[in-house]
Protein backbone atom coordinates (compact mmCIF):
# COMPACT_ATOMS: atom_id res chain seq x y z
CA MET A 1 102.67 38.61 104.31
CA GLY A 2 100.21 38.80 101.44
CA GLN A 3 101.11 40.41 98.20
CA LYS A 4 100.16 44.02 97.77
CA ALA A 5 97.36 44.46 95.25
CA SER A 6 98.30 46.16 92.01
CA PRO A 7 96.83 49.61 91.28
CA ILE A 8 94.83 48.18 88.38
CA ARG A 9 93.47 45.32 90.50
CA SER A 10 92.57 47.79 93.26
CA ARG A 11 90.78 49.96 90.74
CA ILE A 12 88.78 46.99 89.41
CA THR A 13 87.89 45.97 92.98
CA ASP A 14 86.66 49.51 93.72
CA TRP A 15 84.41 49.32 90.66
CA VAL A 16 83.02 45.85 91.43
CA ARG A 17 82.72 46.15 95.23
CA PRO A 18 83.02 49.84 96.10
CA GLN A 19 83.38 50.73 99.77
CA PRO A 20 81.02 53.33 101.33
CA ALA A 21 83.61 56.11 100.96
CA GLN A 22 84.15 55.19 97.31
CA LYS A 23 80.40 55.12 96.72
CA SER A 24 80.23 58.64 98.13
CA LEU A 25 82.94 59.73 95.68
CA TYR A 26 81.00 58.21 92.79
CA ARG A 27 77.87 60.06 93.88
CA ASP A 28 79.74 63.37 94.15
CA VAL A 29 81.21 62.94 90.69
CA LEU A 30 78.02 61.77 88.99
CA ARG A 31 75.87 64.43 90.67
CA LEU A 32 77.93 67.11 88.93
CA ALA A 33 79.20 65.27 85.88
CA LEU A 34 75.98 63.85 84.46
CA PRO A 35 74.16 67.21 84.16
CA ALA A 36 77.40 68.79 82.93
CA THR A 37 77.77 66.05 80.32
CA MET A 38 74.20 66.59 79.20
CA GLU A 39 74.87 70.32 79.04
CA GLN A 40 77.90 69.69 76.85
CA LEU A 41 75.84 67.39 74.65
CA LEU A 42 73.23 70.09 74.28
CA SER A 43 75.88 72.74 73.66
CA MET A 44 77.54 70.64 70.98
CA MET A 45 74.17 69.77 69.51
CA VAL A 46 73.89 73.37 68.30
CA GLY A 47 76.88 72.75 66.01
CA ILE A 48 75.87 69.17 65.24
CA VAL A 49 72.35 70.18 64.24
CA ASP A 50 73.69 72.98 62.07
CA THR A 51 76.10 70.55 60.38
CA PHE A 52 73.28 68.07 59.84
CA LEU A 53 70.99 70.69 58.32
CA VAL A 54 73.70 72.43 56.28
CA GLY A 55 75.29 69.12 55.27
CA HIS A 56 72.45 68.45 52.88
CA LEU A 57 73.07 71.76 51.09
CA GLY A 58 76.43 70.58 49.69
CA ALA A 59 80.16 70.55 50.43
CA ALA A 60 80.62 74.30 49.86
CA SER A 61 78.00 75.13 52.48
CA LEU A 62 79.60 72.74 54.95
CA ALA A 63 83.02 74.27 54.37
CA ALA A 64 81.65 77.82 54.78
CA VAL A 65 80.10 77.04 58.17
CA GLY A 66 83.19 75.09 59.25
CA LEU A 67 85.63 77.90 58.43
CA ALA A 68 83.43 80.57 60.00
CA ALA A 69 83.18 78.40 63.12
CA GLN A 70 86.95 78.62 63.53
CA TRP A 71 86.59 82.34 64.30
CA VAL A 72 83.62 81.74 66.56
CA PHE A 73 85.75 79.28 68.54
CA LEU A 74 88.57 81.82 68.67
CA ALA A 75 86.22 84.42 70.18
CA ALA A 76 85.23 81.84 72.78
CA THR A 77 88.83 81.73 74.03
CA PHE A 78 88.41 85.22 75.48
CA PHE A 79 85.17 84.17 77.12
CA GLY A 80 86.87 81.04 78.46
CA ALA A 81 89.55 83.03 80.26
CA ILE A 82 86.94 84.79 82.39
CA ALA A 83 84.84 81.66 82.81
CA THR A 84 87.72 79.49 84.06
CA GLY A 85 88.91 82.09 86.54
CA SER A 86 85.37 82.54 87.80
CA THR A 87 84.73 78.82 88.20
CA ALA A 88 87.98 78.19 90.09
CA LEU A 89 87.56 81.15 92.45
CA ILE A 90 83.89 80.51 93.17
CA ALA A 91 84.55 76.80 93.78
CA ARG A 92 87.32 77.65 96.29
CA LEU A 93 85.13 80.23 98.06
CA ILE A 94 82.10 77.93 98.24
CA GLY A 95 84.36 75.18 99.61
CA ALA A 96 85.64 77.67 102.21
CA GLN A 97 82.01 78.61 103.04
CA ASP A 98 82.38 82.22 101.92
CA PRO A 99 79.33 82.84 99.66
CA LYS A 100 79.55 86.63 100.10
CA GLU A 101 82.94 86.80 98.38
CA ALA A 102 81.76 84.26 95.79
CA ASN A 103 78.98 86.66 94.82
CA GLN A 104 81.50 89.46 94.46
CA VAL A 105 83.39 87.27 92.00
CA LEU A 106 80.13 86.70 90.14
CA ARG A 107 79.49 90.45 89.83
CA GLN A 108 82.96 91.20 88.53
CA SER A 109 82.82 88.26 86.11
CA VAL A 110 79.59 89.48 84.56
CA LEU A 111 80.91 93.04 84.29
CA LEU A 112 84.14 91.88 82.66
CA GLY A 113 82.24 89.52 80.37
CA ALA A 114 79.98 92.32 79.17
CA PHE A 115 82.95 94.42 78.02
CA VAL A 116 84.71 91.49 76.34
CA GLY A 117 81.52 90.35 74.61
CA LEU A 118 80.84 93.80 73.23
CA GLY A 119 84.39 94.04 71.84
CA ALA A 120 84.11 90.60 70.22
CA THR A 121 80.83 91.61 68.57
CA ILE A 122 82.36 94.73 67.03
CA LEU A 123 85.41 92.88 65.72
CA GLY A 124 83.41 89.94 64.39
CA VAL A 125 81.00 92.10 62.42
CA THR A 126 83.62 94.40 60.90
CA LEU A 127 86.33 91.85 60.08
CA ALA A 128 84.28 88.84 58.93
CA GLY A 129 85.30 89.11 55.27
CA PRO A 130 89.08 89.30 55.77
CA ALA A 131 88.82 86.59 58.42
CA LEU A 132 87.40 84.05 55.94
CA LYS A 133 89.94 84.95 53.26
CA LEU A 134 92.76 84.54 55.77
CA LEU A 135 91.81 80.86 56.14
CA GLY A 136 92.15 80.29 52.41
CA ALA A 137 88.46 79.89 51.64
CA GLN A 138 87.57 79.64 47.99
CA PRO A 139 85.44 82.57 46.67
CA ASP A 140 82.03 80.87 46.91
CA VAL A 141 82.84 79.49 50.36
CA ALA A 142 84.20 82.85 51.55
CA ALA A 143 81.04 84.69 50.48
CA MET A 144 78.73 82.34 52.39
CA GLY A 145 81.05 82.14 55.39
CA THR A 146 81.32 85.93 55.67
CA ARG A 147 77.55 86.38 55.85
CA TYR A 148 77.30 83.56 58.37
CA LEU A 149 80.05 84.96 60.63
CA ARG A 150 78.68 88.52 60.61
CA LEU A 151 75.30 87.36 61.79
CA VAL A 152 76.63 85.03 64.48
CA ALA A 153 79.00 87.75 65.77
CA CYS A 154 76.03 90.02 66.47
CA ILE A 155 75.13 87.85 69.45
CA PHE A 156 78.62 87.43 70.97
CA PHE A 157 77.64 89.84 73.76
CA LEU A 158 74.76 87.70 75.06
CA ASN A 159 76.54 84.46 74.21
CA ASN A 160 79.43 85.54 76.43
CA LEU A 161 77.12 86.29 79.34
CA MET A 162 75.55 82.85 78.97
CA PHE A 163 78.98 81.25 78.86
CA ILE A 164 80.29 83.05 81.96
CA GLY A 165 77.06 82.84 83.93
CA ASN A 166 76.93 79.07 83.44
CA ALA A 167 80.58 78.81 84.52
CA CYS A 168 79.83 80.66 87.76
CA LEU A 169 76.91 78.35 88.50
CA ARG A 170 79.11 75.30 87.94
CA GLY A 171 81.72 76.67 90.34
CA ALA A 172 79.00 76.81 93.01
CA GLY A 173 78.14 73.18 92.29
CA ASP A 174 75.03 73.82 90.19
CA THR A 175 75.37 71.95 86.91
CA ARG A 176 71.64 71.42 86.43
CA THR A 177 70.69 75.02 85.64
CA PRO A 178 73.20 75.32 82.77
CA MET A 179 71.82 72.02 81.45
CA TYR A 180 68.25 73.37 81.47
CA VAL A 181 69.35 76.58 79.75
CA MET A 182 71.09 74.63 77.01
CA ALA A 183 67.97 72.50 76.54
CA VAL A 184 66.03 75.69 75.74
CA VAL A 185 68.85 76.90 73.46
CA ASN A 186 68.78 73.64 71.52
CA ALA A 187 65.04 73.53 71.10
CA LEU A 188 65.05 77.07 69.72
CA ASN A 189 68.04 76.41 67.47
CA ILE A 190 66.45 73.31 65.94
CA LEU A 191 63.12 75.02 65.35
CA VAL A 192 64.46 78.30 63.95
CA ALA A 193 67.38 76.87 61.96
CA TRP A 194 65.26 74.13 60.35
CA SER A 195 62.59 76.66 59.45
CA ALA A 196 64.99 79.34 58.17
CA ILE A 197 67.23 76.98 56.17
CA ASN A 198 64.36 75.25 54.41
CA GLY A 199 61.75 78.03 54.34
CA HIS A 200 59.19 76.53 56.74
CA LEU A 201 56.73 78.15 59.17
CA GLY A 202 56.38 81.25 57.02
CA LEU A 203 60.10 82.05 56.89
CA PRO A 204 61.94 82.58 53.59
CA LYS A 205 64.34 79.87 52.46
CA MET A 206 67.73 81.21 53.60
CA GLY A 207 70.12 78.26 53.17
CA VAL A 208 73.36 78.68 55.12
CA ILE A 209 72.22 81.99 56.60
CA GLY A 210 69.24 80.20 58.13
CA SER A 211 71.67 78.22 60.25
CA ALA A 212 73.16 81.46 61.60
CA VAL A 213 69.66 82.82 62.31
CA GLY A 214 68.89 79.75 64.40
CA ALA A 215 72.13 79.94 66.37
CA THR A 216 71.90 83.66 67.11
CA THR A 217 68.26 83.46 68.18
CA ALA A 218 68.86 80.51 70.48
CA GLN A 219 72.07 81.77 72.08
CA GLY A 220 70.66 85.25 72.57
CA VAL A 221 67.71 83.81 74.49
CA GLY A 222 70.15 81.61 76.44
CA GLY A 223 72.14 84.63 77.57
CA ILE A 224 69.01 86.41 78.75
CA LEU A 225 67.85 83.31 80.63
CA VAL A 226 71.13 82.86 82.52
CA ILE A 227 71.23 86.49 83.63
CA ALA A 228 67.59 86.27 84.71
CA VAL A 229 68.36 83.15 86.80
CA LEU A 230 71.34 84.84 88.46
CA LEU A 231 69.36 88.00 89.21
CA ARG A 232 66.70 85.91 90.90
CA GLY A 233 69.33 83.86 92.76
CA ARG A 234 70.27 80.20 92.60
CA GLY A 235 71.72 78.36 95.60
CA ASN A 236 74.61 80.38 97.01
CA LEU A 237 74.76 82.78 94.07
CA LYS A 238 72.72 85.92 93.44
CA LEU A 239 73.64 88.69 91.03
CA ARG A 240 73.12 92.25 92.21
CA LEU A 241 73.65 95.02 89.69
CA SER A 242 73.17 97.99 92.00
CA GLY A 243 76.41 99.80 92.69
CA LEU A 244 78.27 97.56 90.27
CA ARG A 245 81.69 98.97 89.44
CA PRO A 246 85.07 97.45 88.59
CA ASP A 247 86.99 95.93 91.50
CA GLY A 248 90.61 95.85 90.40
CA ASP A 249 91.76 93.29 92.98
CA LEU A 250 89.04 90.77 92.16
CA ILE A 251 89.41 91.25 88.42
CA ARG A 252 93.15 90.60 88.74
CA ARG A 253 92.47 87.41 90.72
CA ILE A 254 89.99 86.20 88.09
CA LEU A 255 92.40 86.96 85.27
CA ARG A 256 95.46 85.56 87.08
CA VAL A 257 93.76 82.17 87.09
CA GLY A 258 91.81 82.56 83.86
CA LEU A 259 94.23 84.24 81.47
CA PRO A 260 96.47 81.18 81.10
CA THR A 261 93.38 79.22 80.09
CA GLY A 262 92.49 81.97 77.63
CA MET A 263 96.02 81.83 76.26
CA GLU A 264 95.81 78.03 76.17
CA GLN A 265 92.64 78.23 74.11
CA MET A 266 94.19 80.94 71.94
CA LEU A 267 97.17 78.67 71.24
CA PHE A 268 94.80 75.82 70.51
CA ARG A 269 92.47 77.78 68.27
CA THR A 270 95.13 79.60 66.27
CA GLY A 271 96.99 76.33 65.86
CA HIS A 272 93.78 74.59 64.86
CA MET A 273 93.11 77.35 62.35
CA LEU A 274 96.50 76.62 60.74
CA PHE A 275 95.52 72.97 60.87
CA ALA A 276 92.30 73.93 59.06
CA ARG A 277 94.39 75.91 56.58
CA VAL A 278 96.36 72.75 55.78
CA LEU A 279 93.11 70.86 55.26
CA ALA A 280 91.75 73.63 53.02
CA GLU A 281 94.70 72.96 50.71
CA LEU A 282 93.32 69.45 50.20
CA GLY A 283 90.11 70.78 48.61
CA THR A 284 86.52 71.55 49.55
CA VAL A 285 85.33 67.94 49.66
CA VAL A 286 88.15 66.87 52.01
CA TYR A 287 87.56 69.86 54.27
CA ALA A 288 83.85 69.08 54.36
CA ALA A 289 84.69 65.47 55.31
CA ASN A 290 86.91 66.78 58.10
CA GLN A 291 84.11 69.01 59.36
CA VAL A 292 81.61 66.15 59.44
CA ALA A 293 84.11 63.79 61.10
CA ILE A 294 84.89 66.41 63.75
CA ASN A 295 81.20 66.72 64.55
CA GLY A 296 80.91 62.95 64.80
CA TRP A 297 84.00 62.82 67.00
CA SER A 298 82.54 65.53 69.21
CA LEU A 299 80.11 62.91 70.54
CA SER A 300 83.01 61.63 72.64
CA PHE A 301 83.71 65.13 73.95
CA MET A 302 80.42 65.11 75.87
CA PRO A 303 81.57 62.97 78.80
CA GLY A 304 85.09 64.40 78.46
CA PHE A 305 84.01 68.00 78.94
CA GLY A 306 81.27 67.06 81.41
CA PHE A 307 83.61 65.15 83.69
CA ALA A 308 86.31 67.81 83.28
CA ILE A 309 83.78 70.35 84.60
CA ALA A 310 83.00 68.05 87.53
CA ALA A 311 86.73 67.68 88.24
CA THR A 312 87.20 71.47 88.21
CA THR A 313 84.40 72.03 90.70
CA LEU A 314 85.18 69.09 93.00
CA VAL A 315 88.93 69.74 93.16
CA GLY A 316 88.39 73.46 93.73
CA GLN A 317 85.82 72.95 96.48
CA SER A 318 87.96 70.28 98.19
CA LEU A 319 91.01 72.55 98.25
CA GLY A 320 88.85 75.42 99.51
CA ALA A 321 87.76 73.18 102.37
CA GLY A 322 91.41 72.35 103.13
CA GLU A 323 91.25 68.70 101.97
CA PRO A 324 93.90 68.12 99.27
CA GLY A 325 93.73 64.33 99.70
CA LEU A 326 90.03 64.36 98.92
CA ALA A 327 90.73 66.61 95.93
CA GLU A 328 93.15 64.01 94.54
CA ARG A 329 90.75 61.11 95.07
CA ARG A 330 87.97 63.03 93.38
CA GLY A 331 90.24 63.80 90.44
CA TYR A 332 91.14 60.16 89.86
CA THR A 333 87.56 58.94 90.34
CA THR A 334 86.30 61.48 87.85
CA TYR A 335 88.84 60.31 85.28
CA TRP A 336 88.05 56.60 85.58
CA ILE A 337 84.32 57.10 85.11
CA GLY A 338 84.72 59.59 82.28
CA ALA A 339 87.35 57.49 80.50
CA GLY A 340 85.06 54.46 80.62
CA LEU A 341 82.27 56.36 78.91
CA MET A 342 84.57 57.86 76.28
CA THR A 343 86.07 54.45 75.50
CA ALA A 344 82.58 53.03 74.94
CA ILE A 345 81.87 55.83 72.45
CA GLY A 346 85.24 55.18 70.80
CA LEU A 347 84.13 51.62 70.07
CA LEU A 348 81.26 53.06 68.06
CA PHE A 349 83.73 55.10 66.00
CA ILE A 350 85.73 51.96 65.29
CA GLY A 351 82.72 49.80 64.42
CA PHE A 352 80.36 52.21 62.66
CA PRO A 353 82.29 55.19 61.20
CA ALA A 354 80.47 55.25 57.85
CA GLN A 355 77.08 55.21 59.56
CA ILE A 356 78.10 58.10 61.81
CA MET A 357 79.35 60.09 58.81
CA GLY A 358 76.20 59.22 56.88
CA PHE A 359 74.03 60.74 59.61
CA PHE A 360 75.40 64.20 58.78
CA THR A 361 75.68 64.06 55.00
CA ASN A 362 74.58 61.97 52.03
CA ASP A 363 77.59 62.93 49.90
CA PRO A 364 79.41 59.61 49.18
CA GLN A 365 82.79 61.31 48.69
CA VAL A 366 82.56 63.14 52.01
CA ILE A 367 81.61 59.90 53.77
CA ALA A 368 84.47 57.99 52.14
CA PHE A 369 87.10 60.56 53.11
CA GLY A 370 85.93 60.83 56.73
CA THR A 371 85.44 57.16 57.63
CA GLN A 372 89.04 56.13 58.33
CA PRO A 373 90.02 59.22 60.38
CA LEU A 374 86.96 58.70 62.58
CA ARG A 375 87.86 55.05 63.10
CA MET A 376 91.43 56.02 64.02
CA VAL A 377 90.49 58.46 66.80
CA GLY A 378 88.28 55.81 68.35
CA LEU A 379 91.48 54.14 69.52
CA PHE A 380 92.68 57.25 71.37
CA GLN A 381 89.72 57.79 73.70
CA PRO A 382 91.38 56.84 77.04
CA ILE A 383 94.31 59.21 76.51
CA SER A 384 91.96 61.90 75.19
CA ALA A 385 89.93 61.52 78.39
CA ALA A 386 93.09 61.96 80.46
CA CYS A 387 93.99 65.13 78.60
CA MET A 388 90.55 66.65 79.14
CA ILE A 389 89.63 65.52 82.65
CA PHE A 390 92.98 65.95 84.40
CA SER A 391 93.31 69.38 82.77
CA GLY A 392 89.94 70.21 84.32
CA ALA A 393 91.19 69.03 87.71
CA LEU A 394 94.31 71.21 87.42
CA ARG A 395 92.18 74.23 86.52
CA GLY A 396 90.05 73.66 89.61
CA ALA A 397 93.25 73.90 91.65
CA GLY A 398 94.21 77.13 89.90
CA ASP A 399 97.08 75.38 88.06
CA THR A 400 96.18 76.84 84.67
CA ARG A 401 99.66 77.66 83.39
CA PHE A 402 100.75 74.06 82.94
CA PRO A 403 97.83 73.13 80.62
CA MET A 404 98.64 76.28 78.65
CA VAL A 405 102.26 75.20 78.13
CA VAL A 406 101.27 71.62 77.29
CA THR A 407 98.72 72.82 74.74
CA GLY A 408 101.28 75.10 73.14
CA VAL A 409 103.74 72.22 72.83
CA GLY A 410 101.15 69.78 71.50
CA ILE A 411 99.51 72.07 68.97
CA TRP A 412 102.45 74.07 67.69
CA LEU A 413 105.30 71.55 67.92
CA VAL A 414 103.35 68.37 67.10
CA ARG A 415 99.96 68.87 65.41
CA VAL A 416 100.61 71.75 62.99
CA PRO A 417 104.09 70.84 61.67
CA LEU A 418 103.32 67.12 61.43
CA ALA A 419 99.97 67.78 59.74
CA TYR A 420 101.77 69.85 57.11
CA LEU A 421 104.40 67.13 56.72
CA PHE A 422 102.04 64.16 56.67
CA ALA A 423 99.10 65.64 54.75
CA LEU A 424 100.88 67.78 52.14
CA ASN A 425 104.56 66.88 51.86
CA LEU A 426 104.12 63.11 52.17
CA GLY A 427 100.73 63.14 50.46
CA TRP A 428 98.86 61.22 53.13
CA GLY A 429 95.90 63.60 52.95
CA LEU A 430 93.23 63.70 55.64
CA MET A 431 94.48 60.54 57.37
CA GLY A 432 97.92 62.12 57.72
CA ALA A 433 96.48 65.26 59.26
CA TRP A 434 94.39 63.28 61.74
CA GLY A 435 97.40 61.12 62.56
CA ALA A 436 99.23 64.30 63.58
CA MET A 437 96.22 65.28 65.70
CA ALA A 438 96.25 61.88 67.43
CA LEU A 439 99.96 62.26 68.27
CA ASP A 440 99.28 65.73 69.69
CA ILE A 441 96.53 64.37 71.95
CA THR A 442 98.83 61.59 73.14
CA VAL A 443 101.63 63.99 74.08
CA ARG A 444 99.28 66.32 75.95
CA GLY A 445 97.50 63.47 77.72
CA VAL A 446 100.70 61.88 79.04
CA LEU A 447 102.15 65.19 80.25
CA THR A 448 98.89 66.16 82.00
CA VAL A 449 98.67 62.83 83.84
CA LEU A 450 102.26 63.23 85.05
CA ARG A 451 101.50 66.74 86.30
CA PHE A 452 98.48 65.61 88.27
CA ARG A 453 100.38 62.69 89.79
CA GLY A 454 103.17 65.05 90.85
CA GLY A 455 100.80 66.89 93.23
CA ARG A 456 102.29 70.40 93.02
CA TRP A 457 98.81 71.71 92.22
CA LYS A 458 97.75 71.06 95.83
CA THR A 459 99.69 74.08 97.11
CA ILE A 460 98.70 76.71 94.53
CA LYS A 461 97.02 79.85 95.91
CA VAL A 462 94.21 81.60 94.04
């Protein structure tokens, strides 16, 4: 008898000489993941462009935008709860060939998103000042950050509709339309933010506020575009507003799947805000370096989030069609491709960290502080990919509680306490804080892989 091939050797063989069934899996993954990755790139480019433009205004401006962004991200956790529930349910229903019920989920998601978005707008506008002070911003940073946050919060309503509408389209297997929408959002953001920050094209020179003007204009248009696309109909989805009223059963189903993801993001964001609070204690220049390094690191999130989205859709549709084995194969295939891309980007972090930092800012102190942390996270790309992509696969199965628990453990029991210990008590500064973050990612990645391998997610009902 011949020796049984090792899993790693089998994986390499599949890559070098893929069989027809494996080729089909690759096509399924790439068909969804590549547009989703491009969408994530475009989505992140809004923040990256703002950091690039604001970065040349000084460390205080960078810190103001970075601290205000923490509250923007927190608001997105509420949007994410609805979006995740909608994606998982619509993917299952499309897989089960029930587009009528999928459209009912779409209607309830949009209705729920409208109420949540309106509430977030009201809170963001009225509480912007105390929110910045709560994060320990110095007076000049707090003043700029408050004005920035108030303006950005005005568009939470439309931003939420864009967020949820795109999630519904992805659940139906359409990742191209969200990509096109984000292309428009980016073009508008670049044009308006560049003009408003620097006083071009007849606009006054607004500095940091110009960045907020660009973001609100672009995301507002994005929300309108997504709703217009859904009203017209795309593939199996078409939004009908006539007779729209709350459906308690469907809303409960959406929230039963989505709320754990919202809580997961809440745990992550509140923990990350405490993490930011620790960094704020290290001074404005160090916090600015952290902000720039995070934006550089976000380049690796593109394939991570894109392939996580593909895993969510493919696993959900496979389970809806009654094929759990196919769901598992799609999950693993999605990880291996996404991890390969993220590892390649990680090599850039290791080899060219100063150049990446220098793209966003010309402040030599900011570049010096951020170079080593960026190099360090380049080593953690495979485990970071596992954390992101397998979590996406679990969400597609409706197993959203486990990622919530894992995130709570990683953020609150690893990242925050160790960042405080390493950065402040032991005096390791920014490198200590990022070391704690790397340990958090490792813990979450390992636990998520073990959960997916266990297979309990195959039997979850949504």
